[in-house]
Amino acid sequence: MSLRTVHIIFITASALLCVGFGAWELHAYSAIHHGSDLVMGVGSLLCGAALGVYGKAVYRKLKRLSYL
């Protein structure tokens, strides 16, 4: 498995975990109404979106490199 493949897999897994955790925290906020759940949920969703943008940029850059 190439370094490119491993990197893309880890970025994708991290983004999915962030989005999943964010959804879970927002669901917890809707039930309990703790402010920390809202902050962690929104923050996690933003991190997941940032990882998605980063993953797309890395994929484009690594796609051009022929030695990976």
N, C-alpha and C. Protein backbone atom coordinates (compact mmCIF):
# COMPACT_ATOMS: atom_id res chain seq x y z
N MET A 1 0.85 -1.17 0.00
CA MET A 1 0.00 0.00 0.00
C MET A 1 0.90 1.24 0.00
N SER A 2 0.60 2.17 -0.86
CA SER A 2 1.44 3.36 -0.99
C SER A 2 1.15 4.36 0.12
N LEU A 3 2.08 5.27 0.28
CA LEU A 3 1.93 6.33 1.27
C LEU A 3 0.72 7.19 0.95
N ARG A 4 0.48 7.42 -0.32
CA ARG A 4 -0.68 8.21 -0.75
C ARG A 4 -1.98 7.56 -0.30
N THR A 5 -2.08 6.27 -0.51
CA THR A 5 -3.30 5.54 -0.14
C THR A 5 -3.52 5.58 1.36
N VAL A 6 -2.47 5.35 2.12
CA VAL A 6 -2.59 5.37 3.58
C VAL A 6 -3.01 6.75 4.06
N HIS A 7 -2.43 7.78 3.50
CA HIS A 7 -2.75 9.14 3.90
C HIS A 7 -4.21 9.47 3.60
N ILE A 8 -4.66 9.12 2.42
CA ILE A 8 -6.06 9.38 2.05
C ILE A 8 -7.02 8.60 2.95
N ILE A 9 -6.68 7.36 3.28
CA ILE A 9 -7.53 6.56 4.16
C ILE A 9 -7.62 7.19 5.54
N PHE A 10 -6.50 7.63 6.09
CA PHE A 10 -6.52 8.24 7.42
C PHE A 10 -7.26 9.57 7.43
N ILE A 11 -7.11 10.37 6.40
CA ILE A 11 -7.84 11.64 6.33
C ILE A 11 -9.35 11.37 6.24
N THR A 12 -9.72 10.42 5.40
CA THR A 12 -11.14 10.08 5.25
C THR A 12 -11.72 9.55 6.55
N ALA A 13 -11.00 8.66 7.21
CA ALA A 13 -11.48 8.11 8.48
C ALA A 13 -11.61 9.20 9.54
N SER A 14 -10.65 10.10 9.59
CA SER A 14 -10.69 11.19 10.56
C SER A 14 -11.88 12.12 10.29
N ALA A 15 -12.11 12.43 9.04
CA ALA A 15 -13.24 13.31 8.69
C ALA A 15 -14.57 12.64 9.05
N LEU A 16 -14.70 11.36 8.76
CA LEU A 16 -15.93 10.64 9.10
C LEU A 16 -16.15 10.55 10.60
N LEU A 17 -15.07 10.33 11.35
CA LEU A 17 -15.19 10.29 12.81
C LEU A 17 -15.59 11.66 13.37
N CYS A 18 -15.03 12.72 12.82
CA CYS A 18 -15.40 14.07 13.27
C CYS A 18 -16.87 14.36 12.99
N VAL A 19 -17.32 14.03 11.81
CA VAL A 19 -18.72 14.27 11.45
C VAL A 19 -19.65 13.41 12.31
N GLY A 20 -19.28 12.15 12.51
CA GLY A 20 -20.10 11.27 13.35
C GLY A 20 -20.17 11.75 14.79
N PHE A 21 -19.04 12.16 15.34
CA PHE A 21 -19.02 12.67 16.71
C PHE A 21 -19.81 13.97 16.81
N GLY A 22 -19.69 14.82 15.80
CA GLY A 22 -20.44 16.07 15.80
C GLY A 22 -21.95 15.83 15.78
N ALA A 23 -22.38 14.89 14.96
CA ALA A 23 -23.81 14.54 14.91
C ALA A 23 -24.28 13.97 16.24
N TRP A 24 -23.45 13.15 16.85
CA TRP A 24 -23.79 12.55 18.15
C TRP A 24 -23.91 13.64 19.22
N GLU A 25 -22.99 14.58 19.22
CA GLU A 25 -23.03 15.66 20.20
C GLU A 25 -24.23 16.57 19.97
N LEU A 26 -24.57 16.86 18.73
CA LEU A 26 -25.75 17.68 18.47
C LEU A 26 -27.03 16.96 18.87
N HIS A 27 -27.05 15.64 18.69
CA HIS A 27 -28.20 14.87 19.16
C HIS A 27 -28.29 14.91 20.69
N ALA A 28 -27.14 14.81 21.36
CA ALA A 28 -27.12 14.90 22.82
C ALA A 28 -27.57 16.29 23.27
N TYR A 29 -27.18 17.31 22.53
CA TYR A 29 -27.60 18.67 22.87
C TYR A 29 -29.12 18.82 22.75
N SER A 30 -29.70 18.21 21.74
CA SER A 30 -31.15 18.33 21.56
C SER A 30 -31.93 17.65 22.68
N ALA A 31 -31.30 16.67 23.33
CA ALA A 31 -31.97 15.96 24.42
C ALA A 31 -31.72 16.60 25.78
N ILE A 32 -30.49 17.08 26.02
CA ILE A 32 -30.11 17.53 27.36
C ILE A 32 -29.94 19.05 27.46
N HIS A 33 -29.61 19.71 26.37
CA HIS A 33 -29.42 21.16 26.30
C HIS A 33 -28.26 21.66 27.14
N HIS A 34 -27.13 20.94 27.10
CA HIS A 34 -25.88 21.43 27.70
C HIS A 34 -25.13 22.21 26.63
N GLY A 35 -24.63 23.36 27.00
CA GLY A 35 -23.93 24.20 26.04
C GLY A 35 -22.66 23.56 25.51
N SER A 36 -22.00 22.76 26.34
CA SER A 36 -20.76 22.12 25.90
C SER A 36 -21.02 21.12 24.77
N ASP A 37 -22.17 20.48 24.79
CA ASP A 37 -22.51 19.56 23.70
C ASP A 37 -22.67 20.31 22.38
N LEU A 38 -23.26 21.48 22.44
CA LEU A 38 -23.43 22.28 21.23
C LEU A 38 -22.08 22.74 20.69
N VAL A 39 -21.21 23.21 21.58
CA VAL A 39 -19.90 23.70 21.17
C VAL A 39 -19.07 22.57 20.57
N MET A 40 -19.06 21.42 21.24
CA MET A 40 -18.28 20.29 20.72
C MET A 40 -18.87 19.75 19.42
N GLY A 41 -20.19 19.75 19.30
CA GLY A 41 -20.82 19.27 18.08
C GLY A 41 -20.51 20.15 16.88
N VAL A 42 -20.67 21.44 17.05
CA VAL A 42 -20.40 22.37 15.95
C VAL A 42 -18.91 22.37 15.63
N GLY A 43 -18.07 22.38 16.66
CA GLY A 43 -16.62 22.36 16.44
C GLY A 43 -16.17 21.11 15.70
N SER A 44 -16.74 19.99 16.06
CA SER A 44 -16.38 18.74 15.42
C SER A 44 -16.84 18.71 13.97
N LEU A 45 -18.02 19.24 13.69
CA LEU A 45 -18.48 19.30 12.30
C LEU A 45 -17.60 20.22 11.47
N LEU A 46 -17.16 21.33 12.06
CA LEU A 46 -16.25 22.23 11.35
C LEU A 46 -14.90 21.56 11.08
N CYS A 47 -14.41 20.81 12.05
CA CYS A 47 -13.15 20.07 11.85
C CYS A 47 -13.31 19.01 10.76
N GLY A 48 -14.45 18.34 10.74
CA GLY A 48 -14.70 17.36 9.70
C GLY A 48 -14.74 17.99 8.32
N ALA A 49 -15.35 19.17 8.22
CA ALA A 49 -15.38 19.89 6.94
C ALA A 49 -13.97 20.33 6.53
N ALA A 50 -13.20 20.82 7.49
CA ALA A 50 -11.82 21.23 7.20
C ALA A 50 -10.98 20.04 6.75
N LEU A 51 -11.17 18.90 7.38
CA LEU A 51 -10.45 17.70 6.95
C LEU A 51 -10.87 17.27 5.55
N GLY A 52 -12.12 17.45 5.21
CA GLY A 52 -12.58 17.14 3.86
C GLY A 52 -11.91 18.02 2.82
N VAL A 53 -11.81 19.32 3.11
CA VAL A 53 -11.14 20.25 2.20
C VAL A 53 -9.65 19.90 2.10
N TYR A 54 -9.04 19.62 3.25
CA TYR A 54 -7.62 19.24 3.26
C TYR A 54 -7.39 17.95 2.48
N GLY A 55 -8.27 16.96 2.67
CA GLY A 55 -8.12 15.70 1.96
C GLY A 55 -8.23 15.86 0.46
N LYS A 56 -9.14 16.72 0.03
CA LYS A 56 -9.29 16.98 -1.41
C LYS A 56 -8.04 17.64 -1.97
N ALA A 57 -7.48 18.60 -1.23
CA ALA A 57 -6.26 19.28 -1.68
C ALA A 57 -5.08 18.32 -1.72
N VAL A 58 -4.95 17.47 -0.72
CA VAL A 58 -3.85 16.50 -0.69
C VAL A 58 -4.00 15.49 -1.82
N TYR A 59 -5.22 15.06 -2.07
CA TYR A 59 -5.45 14.10 -3.15
C TYR A 59 -5.04 14.70 -4.50
N ARG A 60 -5.42 15.96 -4.73
CA ARG A 60 -5.03 16.62 -5.99
C ARG A 60 -3.52 16.73 -6.11
N LYS A 61 -2.86 17.10 -5.02
CA LYS A 61 -1.41 17.28 -5.06
C LYS A 61 -0.71 15.94 -5.26
N LEU A 62 -1.13 14.91 -4.53
CA LEU A 62 -0.48 13.61 -4.63
C LEU A 62 -0.79 12.92 -5.95
N LYS A 63 -1.90 13.27 -6.56
CA LYS A 63 -2.27 12.67 -7.85
C LYS A 63 -1.27 13.08 -8.94
N ARG A 64 -0.74 14.32 -8.83
CA ARG A 64 0.22 14.81 -9.81
C ARG A 64 1.59 14.17 -9.64
N LEU A 65 1.92 13.71 -8.44
CA LEU A 65 3.22 13.11 -8.20
C LEU A 65 3.23 11.68 -8.71
N SER A 66 4.14 11.35 -9.57
CA SER A 66 4.13 10.04 -10.18
C SER A 66 4.86 8.99 -9.35
N TYR A 67 5.72 9.40 -8.44
CA TYR A 67 6.51 8.43 -7.69
C TYR A 67 5.79 7.89 -6.47
N LEU A 68 4.60 8.36 -6.16
CA LEU A 68 3.86 7.81 -5.01
C LEU A 68 2.83 6.86 -5.50
